[in-house]
């Protein structure tokens, strides 16, 4: 797993296959930054992390600036988290999606569900 900057807490003991995951937290506000592809091989850890964070959070942002590729598994993970957040009163948004991911979100018509924004 790559080294974390001060204030960042890596999640998990081992790097995900193709994806590294960093969480920064300030109280009940969490900023999750996956690094690498968000696909079938890597989205389970993100799913588990988001599920745990949303249950006890006021706000969760998933920053995709370092995610070059998202497949349908990654999309499903993000939509599931957004729905969980909506049900628990937690704010949720996806920020800084790369062109491939943004296009996928547009085609699936989930930009509104994901609270898609251009700034983390």
N, C-alpha and C. Protein backbone atom coordinates (compact mmCIF):
# COMPACT_ATOMS: atom_id res chain seq x y z
N UNK A 1 0.86 -1.17 0.00
CA UNK A 1 0.00 0.00 0.00
C UNK A 1 0.90 1.22 0.00
N UNK A 2 0.54 2.22 -0.72
CA UNK A 2 1.35 3.42 -0.79
C UNK A 2 1.28 4.18 0.51
N UNK A 3 2.31 4.99 0.76
CA UNK A 3 2.35 5.78 1.97
C UNK A 3 1.24 6.81 1.96
N UNK A 4 0.73 7.11 3.15
CA UNK A 4 -0.36 8.09 3.28
C UNK A 4 0.21 9.42 3.72
N UNK A 5 -0.46 10.46 3.35
CA UNK A 5 -0.10 11.80 3.81
C UNK A 5 -0.59 11.95 5.24
N UNK A 6 -0.05 12.93 5.99
CA UNK A 6 -0.56 13.17 7.34
C UNK A 6 -2.06 13.42 7.29
N UNK A 7 -2.77 12.86 8.27
CA UNK A 7 -4.21 13.03 8.32
C UNK A 7 -4.97 12.00 7.51
N UNK A 8 -4.28 11.14 6.78
CA UNK A 8 -4.93 10.10 5.98
C UNK A 8 -4.72 8.76 6.66
N UNK A 9 -5.75 7.95 6.67
CA UNK A 9 -5.68 6.62 7.26
C UNK A 9 -5.95 5.59 6.18
N UNK A 10 -4.93 4.79 5.80
CA UNK A 10 -5.19 3.73 4.83
C UNK A 10 -6.14 2.71 5.42
N UNK A 11 -7.01 2.16 4.58
CA UNK A 11 -7.95 1.14 5.01
C UNK A 11 -7.45 -0.20 4.50
N UNK A 12 -7.40 -1.17 5.38
CA UNK A 12 -6.98 -2.51 4.99
C UNK A 12 -5.49 -2.72 5.18
N UNK A 13 -5.12 -3.95 5.30
CA UNK A 13 -3.72 -4.32 5.51
C UNK A 13 -2.96 -4.47 4.20
N UNK A 14 -3.63 -4.91 3.19
CA UNK A 14 -3.01 -5.17 1.90
C UNK A 14 -3.63 -4.28 0.84
N UNK A 15 -2.87 -3.90 -0.20
CA UNK A 15 -3.47 -3.12 -1.27
C UNK A 15 -4.50 -3.96 -2.02
N UNK A 16 -5.54 -3.30 -2.49
CA UNK A 16 -6.51 -3.98 -3.34
C UNK A 16 -5.86 -4.27 -4.68
N UNK A 17 -6.31 -5.30 -5.35
CA UNK A 17 -5.80 -5.60 -6.68
C UNK A 17 -6.25 -4.48 -7.61
N UNK A 18 -5.29 -3.64 -8.02
CA UNK A 18 -5.60 -2.57 -8.94
C UNK A 18 -6.15 -1.31 -8.29
N UNK A 19 -6.32 -1.28 -6.95
CA UNK A 19 -6.89 -0.10 -6.31
C UNK A 19 -6.38 0.00 -4.88
N UNK A 20 -6.01 1.21 -4.49
CA UNK A 20 -5.58 1.53 -3.14
C UNK A 20 -6.67 2.44 -2.57
N UNK A 21 -6.92 2.41 -1.29
CA UNK A 21 -8.03 3.15 -0.71
C UNK A 21 -7.54 3.95 0.50
N UNK A 22 -7.80 5.26 0.49
CA UNK A 22 -7.40 6.13 1.59
C UNK A 22 -8.64 6.86 2.10
N UNK A 23 -8.76 6.94 3.43
CA UNK A 23 -9.88 7.64 4.05
C UNK A 23 -9.32 8.73 4.96
N UNK A 24 -9.81 9.95 4.77
CA UNK A 24 -9.51 11.05 5.69
C UNK A 24 -10.81 11.38 6.41
N UNK A 25 -10.73 11.52 7.73
CA UNK A 25 -11.92 11.79 8.51
C UNK A 25 -11.71 12.98 9.42
N UNK A 26 -12.76 13.79 9.53
CA UNK A 26 -12.81 14.88 10.50
C UNK A 26 -14.16 14.75 11.18
N UNK A 27 -14.14 14.14 12.36
CA UNK A 27 -15.40 13.89 13.05
C UNK A 27 -16.25 12.93 12.26
N UNK A 28 -17.47 13.38 11.92
CA UNK A 28 -18.42 12.53 11.19
C UNK A 28 -18.45 12.85 9.70
N UNK A 29 -17.40 13.51 9.21
CA UNK A 29 -17.27 13.84 7.79
C UNK A 29 -16.08 13.05 7.24
N UNK A 30 -16.33 12.27 6.18
CA UNK A 30 -15.31 11.38 5.65
C UNK A 30 -15.09 11.65 4.17
N UNK A 31 -13.82 11.61 3.77
CA UNK A 31 -13.41 11.80 2.38
C UNK A 31 -12.66 10.53 1.96
N UNK A 32 -13.23 9.78 1.03
CA UNK A 32 -12.67 8.49 0.60
C UNK A 32 -12.04 8.67 -0.78
N UNK A 33 -10.80 8.27 -0.91
CA UNK A 33 -10.08 8.40 -2.17
C UNK A 33 -9.56 7.04 -2.63
N UNK A 34 -10.27 6.39 -3.55
CA UNK A 34 -9.71 5.18 -4.17
C UNK A 34 -8.63 5.60 -5.17
N UNK A 35 -7.63 4.76 -5.35
CA UNK A 35 -6.58 5.03 -6.32
C UNK A 35 -6.39 3.78 -7.16
N UNK A 36 -6.64 3.91 -8.46
CA UNK A 36 -6.56 2.77 -9.37
C UNK A 36 -7.95 2.44 -9.89
N UNK A 37 -8.05 1.37 -10.64
CA UNK A 37 -9.32 0.98 -11.24
C UNK A 37 -10.32 0.57 -10.16
N UNK A 38 -11.57 0.95 -10.37
CA UNK A 38 -12.67 0.55 -9.48
C UNK A 38 -13.51 -0.45 -10.27
N UNK A 39 -13.20 -1.73 -10.06
CA UNK A 39 -13.83 -2.78 -10.85
C UNK A 39 -14.13 -3.99 -9.97
N UNK A 40 -14.55 -5.07 -10.58
CA UNK A 40 -14.94 -6.27 -9.85
C UNK A 40 -13.84 -6.72 -8.88
N UNK A 41 -12.60 -6.59 -9.29
CA UNK A 41 -11.49 -7.05 -8.46
C UNK A 41 -11.22 -6.16 -7.26
N UNK A 42 -11.71 -4.93 -7.27
CA UNK A 42 -11.33 -3.99 -6.22
C UNK A 42 -12.49 -3.36 -5.44
N UNK A 43 -13.72 -3.54 -5.86
CA UNK A 43 -14.80 -2.76 -5.25
C UNK A 43 -15.34 -3.33 -3.94
N UNK A 44 -15.03 -4.56 -3.58
CA UNK A 44 -15.53 -5.12 -2.32
C UNK A 44 -15.05 -4.32 -1.11
N UNK A 45 -13.79 -3.98 -1.08
CA UNK A 45 -13.25 -3.21 0.05
C UNK A 45 -13.88 -1.82 0.11
N UNK A 46 -14.07 -1.19 -1.04
CA UNK A 46 -14.74 0.11 -1.06
C UNK A 46 -16.16 -0.03 -0.53
N UNK A 47 -16.87 -1.05 -0.96
CA UNK A 47 -18.24 -1.30 -0.49
C UNK A 47 -18.27 -1.46 1.02
N UNK A 48 -17.41 -2.27 1.58
CA UNK A 48 -17.37 -2.49 3.02
C UNK A 48 -17.03 -1.20 3.77
N UNK A 49 -16.08 -0.46 3.25
CA UNK A 49 -15.66 0.79 3.89
C UNK A 49 -16.79 1.82 3.88
N UNK A 50 -17.43 2.00 2.72
CA UNK A 50 -18.52 2.96 2.62
C UNK A 50 -19.68 2.57 3.52
N UNK A 51 -20.01 1.29 3.56
CA UNK A 51 -21.10 0.82 4.42
C UNK A 51 -20.83 1.17 5.88
N UNK A 52 -19.61 0.93 6.34
CA UNK A 52 -19.25 1.24 7.73
C UNK A 52 -19.27 2.75 7.99
N UNK A 53 -18.72 3.53 7.08
CA UNK A 53 -18.65 4.97 7.29
C UNK A 53 -20.03 5.62 7.28
N UNK A 54 -20.86 5.25 6.34
CA UNK A 54 -22.18 5.87 6.19
C UNK A 54 -23.03 5.65 7.42
N UNK A 55 -22.92 4.49 8.05
CA UNK A 55 -23.72 4.18 9.22
C UNK A 55 -23.50 5.17 10.37
N UNK A 56 -22.33 5.80 10.40
CA UNK A 56 -22.02 6.71 11.51
C UNK A 56 -21.53 8.07 11.02
N UNK A 57 -21.97 8.50 9.84
CA UNK A 57 -21.45 9.74 9.25
C UNK A 57 -22.53 10.77 9.01
N UNK A 58 -22.10 12.02 8.95
CA UNK A 58 -22.97 13.11 8.51
C UNK A 58 -22.79 13.33 7.01
N UNK A 59 -21.57 13.08 6.54
CA UNK A 59 -21.26 13.31 5.12
C UNK A 59 -20.12 12.40 4.67
N UNK A 60 -20.26 11.85 3.46
CA UNK A 60 -19.21 11.04 2.84
C UNK A 60 -19.02 11.51 1.41
N UNK A 61 -17.77 11.80 1.05
CA UNK A 61 -17.41 12.15 -0.33
C UNK A 61 -16.46 11.09 -0.85
N UNK A 62 -16.74 10.60 -2.06
CA UNK A 62 -15.83 9.66 -2.73
C UNK A 62 -15.17 10.44 -3.86
N UNK A 63 -13.88 10.64 -3.75
CA UNK A 63 -13.10 11.42 -4.71
C UNK A 63 -12.49 10.47 -5.73
N UNK A 64 -12.93 10.58 -6.98
CA UNK A 64 -12.47 9.66 -8.03
C UNK A 64 -11.37 10.24 -8.92
N UNK A 65 -10.72 11.30 -8.49
CA UNK A 65 -9.70 11.93 -9.34
C UNK A 65 -8.56 10.99 -9.70
N UNK A 66 -8.32 9.96 -8.88
CA UNK A 66 -7.22 9.02 -9.14
C UNK A 66 -7.73 7.65 -9.60
N UNK A 67 -8.95 7.63 -10.13
CA UNK A 67 -9.56 6.39 -10.62
C UNK A 67 -9.75 6.52 -12.13
N UNK A 68 -8.88 5.90 -12.93
CA UNK A 68 -8.98 6.04 -14.39
C UNK A 68 -10.11 5.22 -15.02
N UNK A 69 -10.58 4.18 -14.30
CA UNK A 69 -11.57 3.28 -14.90
C UNK A 69 -12.57 2.81 -13.84
N UNK A 70 -13.86 2.85 -14.18
CA UNK A 70 -14.93 2.30 -13.33
C UNK A 70 -15.77 1.38 -14.20
N UNK A 71 -16.01 0.14 -13.73
CA UNK A 71 -16.89 -0.76 -14.46
C UNK A 71 -18.24 -0.84 -13.75
N UNK A 72 -19.10 -1.75 -14.20
CA UNK A 72 -20.45 -1.84 -13.64
C UNK A 72 -20.44 -2.23 -12.17
N UNK A 73 -19.44 -2.97 -11.73
CA UNK A 73 -19.34 -3.32 -10.31
C UNK A 73 -19.04 -2.09 -9.47
N UNK A 74 -18.15 -1.26 -9.96
CA UNK A 74 -17.85 -0.01 -9.27
C UNK A 74 -19.05 0.92 -9.24
N UNK A 75 -19.75 0.99 -10.36
CA UNK A 75 -20.97 1.79 -10.45
C UNK A 75 -22.00 1.30 -9.42
N UNK A 76 -22.22 0.00 -9.37
CA UNK A 76 -23.19 -0.57 -8.43
C UNK A 76 -22.79 -0.28 -6.98
N UNK A 77 -21.51 -0.35 -6.68
CA UNK A 77 -21.02 -0.05 -5.33
C UNK A 77 -21.35 1.39 -4.94
N UNK A 78 -21.13 2.32 -5.86
CA UNK A 78 -21.39 3.74 -5.57
C UNK A 78 -22.89 4.02 -5.44
N UNK A 79 -23.70 3.42 -6.31
CA UNK A 79 -25.15 3.62 -6.23
C UNK A 79 -25.69 3.03 -4.93
N UNK A 80 -25.22 1.85 -4.55
CA UNK A 80 -25.64 1.23 -3.29
C UNK A 80 -25.31 2.16 -2.12
N UNK A 81 -24.11 2.71 -2.12
CA UNK A 81 -23.70 3.62 -1.03
C UNK A 81 -24.56 4.87 -1.01
N UNK A 82 -24.86 5.42 -2.19
CA UNK A 82 -25.69 6.62 -2.26
C UNK A 82 -27.08 6.34 -1.71
N UNK A 83 -27.64 5.21 -2.02
CA UNK A 83 -28.97 4.84 -1.51
C UNK A 83 -28.94 4.61 0.00
N UNK A 84 -27.89 3.96 0.47
CA UNK A 84 -27.75 3.75 1.92
C UNK A 84 -27.65 5.10 2.63
N UNK A 85 -26.86 6.01 2.07
CA UNK A 85 -26.70 7.33 2.68
C UNK A 85 -28.03 8.08 2.71
N UNK A 86 -28.78 8.04 1.62
CA UNK A 86 -30.07 8.72 1.56
C UNK A 86 -31.02 8.16 2.62
N UNK A 87 -30.97 6.87 2.83
CA UNK A 87 -31.83 6.25 3.81
C UNK A 87 -31.46 6.55 5.25
N UNK A 88 -30.19 6.90 5.47
CA UNK A 88 -29.74 7.17 6.84
C UNK A 88 -29.56 8.65 7.13
N UNK A 89 -29.86 9.50 6.14
CA UNK A 89 -29.72 10.95 6.35
C UNK A 89 -28.30 11.46 6.24
N UNK A 90 -27.43 10.67 5.65
CA UNK A 90 -26.04 11.04 5.46
C UNK A 90 -25.87 11.69 4.09
N UNK A 91 -25.17 12.80 4.03
CA UNK A 91 -24.85 13.40 2.73
C UNK A 91 -23.86 12.52 1.99
N UNK A 92 -24.03 12.38 0.69
CA UNK A 92 -23.14 11.53 -0.11
C UNK A 92 -22.94 12.18 -1.46
N UNK A 93 -21.69 12.19 -1.91
CA UNK A 93 -21.42 12.67 -3.26
C UNK A 93 -20.16 12.03 -3.81
N UNK A 94 -20.11 12.00 -5.13
CA UNK A 94 -18.93 11.54 -5.86
C UNK A 94 -18.33 12.76 -6.51
N UNK A 95 -17.03 12.95 -6.32
CA UNK A 95 -16.36 14.14 -6.82
C UNK A 95 -15.26 13.78 -7.81
N UNK A 96 -15.02 14.68 -8.73
CA UNK A 96 -13.88 14.63 -9.65
C UNK A 96 -13.74 13.33 -10.43
N UNK A 97 -14.86 12.83 -10.95
CA UNK A 97 -14.82 11.62 -11.77
C UNK A 97 -14.06 11.90 -13.07
N UNK A 98 -13.23 10.95 -13.47
CA UNK A 98 -12.50 11.05 -14.72
C UNK A 98 -13.46 10.85 -15.89
N UNK A 99 -13.04 11.20 -17.11
CA UNK A 99 -13.96 11.15 -18.26
C UNK A 99 -14.66 9.80 -18.47
N UNK A 100 -13.95 8.69 -18.32
CA UNK A 100 -14.58 7.39 -18.52
C UNK A 100 -15.67 7.15 -17.50
N UNK A 101 -15.39 7.44 -16.24
CA UNK A 101 -16.38 7.24 -15.19
C UNK A 101 -17.55 8.20 -15.36
N UNK A 102 -17.26 9.44 -15.66
CA UNK A 102 -18.33 10.43 -15.86
C UNK A 102 -19.26 9.97 -16.98
N UNK A 103 -18.69 9.46 -18.07
CA UNK A 103 -19.50 8.97 -19.19
C UNK A 103 -20.37 7.79 -18.75
N UNK A 104 -19.79 6.87 -17.98
CA UNK A 104 -20.55 5.74 -17.46
C UNK A 104 -21.72 6.22 -16.61
N UNK A 105 -21.49 7.19 -15.74
CA UNK A 105 -22.54 7.72 -14.88
C UNK A 105 -23.63 8.40 -15.71
N UNK A 106 -23.22 9.10 -16.77
CA UNK A 106 -24.20 9.75 -17.65
C UNK A 106 -25.05 8.71 -18.38
N UNK A 107 -24.40 7.68 -18.92
CA UNK A 107 -25.14 6.63 -19.64
C UNK A 107 -26.11 5.89 -18.71
N UNK A 108 -25.69 5.68 -17.47
CA UNK A 108 -26.54 4.98 -16.51
C UNK A 108 -27.55 5.93 -15.85
N UNK A 109 -27.42 7.21 -16.13
CA UNK A 109 -28.31 8.25 -15.58
C UNK A 109 -28.34 8.23 -14.06
N UNK A 110 -27.15 8.18 -13.45
CA UNK A 110 -27.05 8.16 -12.00
C UNK A 110 -26.31 9.36 -11.43
N UNK A 111 -26.02 10.35 -12.26
CA UNK A 111 -25.31 11.54 -11.77
C UNK A 111 -26.00 12.19 -10.60
N UNK A 112 -27.33 12.31 -10.67
CA UNK A 112 -28.09 12.92 -9.59
C UNK A 112 -28.08 12.08 -8.33
N UNK A 113 -28.20 10.78 -8.47
CA UNK A 113 -28.16 9.87 -7.32
C UNK A 113 -26.81 9.97 -6.61
N UNK A 114 -25.75 10.10 -7.41
CA UNK A 114 -24.40 10.12 -6.86
C UNK A 114 -23.98 11.51 -6.38
N UNK A 115 -24.81 12.52 -6.60
CA UNK A 115 -24.42 13.88 -6.19
C UNK A 115 -23.15 14.30 -6.88
N UNK A 116 -23.00 13.92 -8.14
CA UNK A 116 -21.78 14.13 -8.90
C UNK A 116 -21.36 15.60 -8.91
N UNK A 117 -20.10 15.85 -8.56
CA UNK A 117 -19.56 17.21 -8.58
C UNK A 117 -18.17 17.20 -9.17
N UNK A 118 -17.70 18.39 -9.53
CA UNK A 118 -16.37 18.51 -10.14
C UNK A 118 -15.28 18.85 -9.16
N UNK A 119 -15.62 19.00 -7.90
CA UNK A 119 -14.61 19.37 -6.92
C UNK A 119 -14.77 18.57 -5.64
N UNK A 120 -13.63 17.97 -5.19
CA UNK A 120 -13.64 17.19 -3.95
C UNK A 120 -13.52 18.09 -2.79
